[in-house]
């Protein structure tokens, strides 16, 4: 555990940042999948496929 004597982020803050970056990456991937699915179903509904 850090004593808070160094500049920058604490160990806990760095860990939380990594967790948030991982979650952000996952959410972006999920959003892209949902966009692709929505486009697919929109084409199906319009009879384009």
PDB file of N, CA and C in Angstrom:
ATOM      1  N   UNK A   1       0.852  -1.179   0.000  1.00  0.00           N
ATOM      2  CA  UNK A   1       0.000   0.000   0.000  1.00  0.00           C
ATOM      3  C   UNK A   1       0.897   1.242   0.000  1.00  0.00           C
ATOM      4  N   UNK A   2       0.469   2.263  -0.708  1.00  0.00           N
ATOM      5  CA  UNK A   2       1.254   3.493  -0.804  1.00  0.00           C
ATOM      6  C   UNK A   2       1.072   4.361   0.432  1.00  0.00           C
ATOM      7  N   UNK A   3       2.135   5.100   0.750  1.00  0.00           N
ATOM      8  CA  UNK A   3       2.070   6.037   1.867  1.00  0.00           C
ATOM      9  C   UNK A   3       1.645   7.424   1.391  1.00  0.00           C
ATOM     10  N   UNK A   4       1.430   7.572   0.080  1.00  0.00           N
ATOM     11  CA  UNK A   4       0.984   8.846  -0.467  1.00  0.00           C
ATOM     12  C   UNK A   4       2.089   9.869  -0.613  1.00  0.00           C
ATOM     13  N   UNK A   5       3.328   9.407  -0.700  1.00  0.00           N
ATOM     14  CA  UNK A   5       4.451  10.328  -0.775  1.00  0.00           C
ATOM     15  C   UNK A   5       4.937  10.577  -2.191  1.00  0.00           C
ATOM     16  N   UNK A   6       4.498   9.805  -3.151  1.00  0.00           N
ATOM     17  CA  UNK A   6       4.916   9.973  -4.532  1.00  0.00           C
ATOM     18  C   UNK A   6       3.877  10.764  -5.309  1.00  0.00           C
ATOM     19  N   UNK A   7       4.341  11.408  -6.375  1.00  0.00           N
ATOM     20  CA  UNK A   7       3.399  12.108  -7.249  1.00  0.00           C
ATOM     21  C   UNK A   7       2.647  11.101  -8.097  1.00  0.00           C
ATOM     22  N   UNK A   8       1.474  11.479  -8.548  1.00  0.00           N
ATOM     23  CA  UNK A   8       0.702  10.617  -9.427  1.00  0.00           C
ATOM     24  C   UNK A   8      -0.351   9.837  -8.671  1.00  0.00           C
ATOM     25  N   UNK A   9      -0.779   8.760  -9.297  1.00  0.00           N
ATOM     26  CA  UNK A   9      -1.865   7.950  -8.753  1.00  0.00           C
ATOM     27  C   UNK A   9      -1.361   6.981  -7.694  1.00  0.00           C
ATOM     28  N   UNK A  10      -2.241   6.699  -6.748  1.00  0.00           N
ATOM     29  CA  UNK A  10      -1.924   5.674  -5.754  1.00  0.00           C
ATOM     30  C   UNK A  10      -2.116   4.304  -6.398  1.00  0.00           C
ATOM     31  N   UNK A  11      -1.653   3.278  -5.724  1.00  0.00           N
ATOM     32  CA  UNK A  11      -1.830   1.912  -6.209  1.00  0.00           C
ATOM     33  C   UNK A  11      -3.307   1.610  -6.401  1.00  0.00           C
ATOM     34  N   UNK A  12      -4.133   2.025  -5.455  1.00  0.00           N
ATOM     35  CA  UNK A  12      -5.573   1.781  -5.549  1.00  0.00           C
ATOM     36  C   UNK A  12      -6.172   2.521  -6.738  1.00  0.00           C
ATOM     37  N   UNK A  13      -5.734   3.750  -6.960  1.00  0.00           N
ATOM     38  CA  UNK A  13      -6.248   4.530  -8.091  1.00  0.00           C
ATOM     39  C   UNK A  13      -5.834   3.908  -9.427  1.00  0.00           C
ATOM     40  N   UNK A  14      -4.592   3.417  -9.499  1.00  0.00           N
ATOM     41  CA  UNK A  14      -4.138   2.759 -10.731  1.00  0.00           C
ATOM     42  C   UNK A  14      -4.936   1.497 -10.986  1.00  0.00           C
ATOM     43  N   UNK A  15      -5.201   0.739  -9.932  1.00  0.00           N
ATOM     44  CA  UNK A  15      -5.991  -0.483 -10.069  1.00  0.00           C
ATOM     45  C   UNK A  15      -7.409  -0.155 -10.534  1.00  0.00           C
ATOM     46  N   UNK A  16      -8.008   0.850  -9.934  1.00  0.00           N
ATOM     47  CA  UNK A  16      -9.371   1.255 -10.311  1.00  0.00           C
ATOM     48  C   UNK A  16      -9.395   1.752 -11.751  1.00  0.00           C
ATOM     49  N   UNK A  17      -8.365   2.491 -12.160  1.00  0.00           N
ATOM     50  CA  UNK A  17      -8.280   2.972 -13.535  1.00  0.00           C
ATOM     51  C   UNK A  17      -8.207   1.799 -14.508  1.00  0.00           C
ATOM     52  N   UNK A  18      -7.402   0.788 -14.185  1.00  0.00           N
ATOM     53  CA  UNK A  18      -7.320  -0.408 -15.045  1.00  0.00           C
ATOM     54  C   UNK A  18      -8.680  -1.093 -15.148  1.00  0.00           C
ATOM     55  N   UNK A  19      -9.373  -1.212 -14.009  1.00  0.00           N
ATOM     56  CA  UNK A  19     -10.702  -1.834 -14.008  1.00  0.00           C
ATOM     57  C   UNK A  19     -11.669  -1.048 -14.885  1.00  0.00           C
ATOM     58  N   UNK A  20     -11.652   0.273 -14.762  1.00  0.00           N
ATOM     59  CA  UNK A  20     -12.562   1.105 -15.547  1.00  0.00           C
ATOM     60  C   UNK A  20     -12.225   1.050 -17.036  1.00  0.00           C
ATOM     61  N   UNK A  21     -10.938   1.001 -17.361  1.00  0.00           N
ATOM     62  CA  UNK A  21     -10.543   0.888 -18.767  1.00  0.00           C
ATOM     63  C   UNK A  21     -10.995  -0.440 -19.348  1.00  0.00           C
ATOM     64  N   UNK A  22     -10.863  -1.515 -18.562  1.00  0.00           N
ATOM     65  CA  UNK A  22     -11.314  -2.841 -19.002  1.00  0.00           C
ATOM     66  C   UNK A  22     -12.828  -2.833 -19.222  1.00  0.00           C
ATOM     67  N   UNK A  23     -13.556  -2.253 -18.275  1.00  0.00           N
ATOM     68  CA  UNK A  23     -15.012  -2.185 -18.393  1.00  0.00           C
ATOM     69  C   UNK A  23     -15.415  -1.340 -19.596  1.00  0.00           C
ATOM     70  N   UNK A  24     -14.720  -0.237 -19.810  1.00  0.00           N
ATOM     71  CA  UNK A  24     -15.006   0.638 -20.934  1.00  0.00           C
ATOM     72  C   UNK A  24     -14.799  -0.106 -22.256  1.00  0.00           C
ATOM     73  N   UNK A  25     -13.706  -0.863 -22.348  1.00  0.00           N
ATOM     74  CA  UNK A  25     -13.417  -1.642 -23.555  1.00  0.00           C
ATOM     75  C   UNK A  25     -14.529  -2.655 -23.814  1.00  0.00           C
ATOM     76  N   UNK A  26     -14.970  -3.338 -22.764  1.00  0.00           N
ATOM     77  CA  UNK A  26     -16.038  -4.335 -22.890  1.00  0.00           C
ATOM     78  C   UNK A  26     -17.347  -3.676 -23.335  1.00  0.00           C
ATOM     79  N   UNK A  27     -17.678  -2.545 -22.739  1.00  0.00           N
ATOM     80  CA  UNK A  27     -18.916  -1.847 -23.094  1.00  0.00           C
ATOM     81  C   UNK A  27     -18.881  -1.361 -24.541  1.00  0.00           C
ATOM     82  N   UNK A  28     -17.713  -0.887 -25.000  1.00  0.00           N
ATOM     83  CA  UNK A  28     -17.587  -0.461 -26.402  1.00  0.00           C
ATOM     84  C   UNK A  28     -17.800  -1.633 -27.351  1.00  0.00           C
ATOM     85  N   UNK A  29     -17.235  -2.797 -27.003  1.00  0.00           N
ATOM     86  CA  UNK A  29     -17.419  -3.991 -27.830  1.00  0.00           C
ATOM     87  C   UNK A  29     -18.892  -4.396 -27.863  1.00  0.00           C
ATOM     88  N   UNK A  30     -19.533  -4.374 -26.698  1.00  0.00           N
ATOM     89  CA  UNK A  30     -20.948  -4.732 -26.635  1.00  0.00           C
ATOM     90  C   UNK A  30     -21.793  -3.762 -27.453  1.00  0.00           C
ATOM     91  N   UNK A  31     -21.459  -2.477 -27.399  1.00  0.00           N
ATOM     92  CA  UNK A  31     -22.196  -1.478 -28.172  1.00  0.00           C
ATOM     93  C   UNK A  31     -22.050  -1.741 -29.666  1.00  0.00           C
ATOM     94  N   UNK A  32     -20.853  -2.094 -30.111  1.00  0.00           N
ATOM     95  CA  UNK A  32     -20.636  -2.385 -31.522  1.00  0.00           C
ATOM     96  C   UNK A  32     -21.448  -3.610 -31.960  1.00  0.00           C
ATOM     97  N   UNK A  33     -21.512  -4.615 -31.101  1.00  0.00           N
ATOM     98  CA  UNK A  33     -22.312  -5.806 -31.405  1.00  0.00           C
ATOM     99  C   UNK A  33     -23.784  -5.430 -31.516  1.00  0.00           C
ATOM    100  N   UNK A  34     -24.268  -4.613 -30.590  1.00  0.00           N
ATOM    101  CA  UNK A  34     -25.676  -4.200 -30.618  1.00  0.00           C
ATOM    102  C   UNK A  34     -25.991  -3.354 -31.852  1.00  0.00           C
ATOM    103  N   UNK A  35     -25.051  -2.482 -32.242  1.00  0.00           N
ATOM    104  CA  UNK A  35     -25.265  -1.674 -33.450  1.00  0.00           C
ATOM    105  C   UNK A  35     -25.358  -2.564 -34.675  1.00  0.00           C
ATOM    106  N   UNK A  36     -24.479  -3.568 -34.752  1.00  0.00           N
ATOM    107  CA  UNK A  36     -24.501  -4.490 -35.888  1.00  0.00           C
ATOM    108  C   UNK A  36     -25.804  -5.291 -35.898  1.00  0.00           C
ATOM    109  N   UNK A  37     -26.244  -5.736 -34.729  1.00  0.00           N
ATOM    110  CA  UNK A  37     -27.496  -6.494 -34.643  1.00  0.00           C
ATOM    111  C   UNK A  37     -28.679  -5.618 -35.032  1.00  0.00           C
ATOM    112  N   UNK A  38     -28.686  -4.369 -34.581  1.00  0.00           N
ATOM    113  CA  UNK A  38     -29.780  -3.457 -34.928  1.00  0.00           C
ATOM    114  C   UNK A  38     -29.816  -3.217 -36.429  1.00  0.00           C
ATOM    115  N   UNK A  39     -28.654  -3.047 -37.046  1.00  0.00           N
ATOM    116  CA  UNK A  39     -28.604  -2.848 -38.501  1.00  0.00           C
ATOM    117  C   UNK A  39     -29.110  -4.094 -39.221  1.00  0.00           C
ATOM    118  N   UNK A  40     -28.716  -5.258 -38.755  1.00  0.00           N
ATOM    119  CA  UNK A  40     -29.155  -6.511 -39.359  1.00  0.00           C
ATOM    120  C   UNK A  40     -30.673  -6.636 -39.297  1.00  0.00           C
ATOM    121  N   UNK A  41     -31.239  -6.395 -38.112  1.00  0.00           N
ATOM    122  CA  UNK A  41     -32.681  -6.543 -37.961  1.00  0.00           C
ATOM    123  C   UNK A  41     -33.443  -5.441 -38.692  1.00  0.00           C
ATOM    124  N   UNK A  42     -32.853  -4.280 -38.830  1.00  0.00           N
ATOM    125  CA  UNK A  42     -33.495  -3.218 -39.605  1.00  0.00           C
ATOM    126  C   UNK A  42     -33.591  -3.637 -41.064  1.00  0.00           C
ATOM    127  N   UNK A  43     -32.553  -4.265 -41.581  1.00  0.00           N
ATOM    128  CA  UNK A  43     -32.592  -4.755 -42.962  1.00  0.00           C
ATOM    129  C   UNK A  43     -33.628  -5.863 -43.117  1.00  0.00           C
ATOM    130  N   UNK A  44     -33.701  -6.748 -42.132  1.00  0.00           N
ATOM    131  CA  UNK A  44     -34.696  -7.811 -42.163  1.00  0.00           C
ATOM    132  C   UNK A  44     -36.113  -7.245 -42.172  1.00  0.00           C
ATOM    133  N   UNK A  45     -36.349  -6.240 -41.359  1.00  0.00           N
ATOM    134  CA  UNK A  45     -37.671  -5.628 -41.246  1.00  0.00           C
ATOM    135  C   UNK A  45     -38.049  -4.923 -42.547  1.00  0.00           C
ATOM    136  N   UNK A  46     -37.084  -4.303 -43.181  1.00  0.00           N
ATOM    137  CA  UNK A  46     -37.337  -3.574 -44.425  1.00  0.00           C
ATOM    138  C   UNK A  46     -37.385  -4.501 -45.625  1.00  0.00           C
ATOM    139  N   UNK A  47     -37.125  -5.772 -45.434  1.00  0.00           N
ATOM    140  CA  UNK A  47     -37.159  -6.708 -46.540  1.00  0.00           C
ATOM    141  C   UNK A  47     -35.967  -6.586 -47.460  1.00  0.00           C
ATOM    142  N   UNK A  48     -34.921  -5.949 -47.030  1.00  0.00           N
ATOM    143  CA  UNK A  48     -33.740  -5.742 -47.862  1.00  0.00           C
ATOM    144  C   UNK A  48     -32.957  -7.041 -48.002  1.00  0.00           C
ATOM    145  N   UNK A  49     -33.042  -7.908 -47.073  1.00  0.00           N
ATOM    146  CA  UNK A  49     -32.283  -9.159 -47.109  1.00  0.00           C
ATOM    147  C   UNK A  49     -33.080 -10.260 -47.713  1.00  0.00           C
TER     148      UNK A  49
END
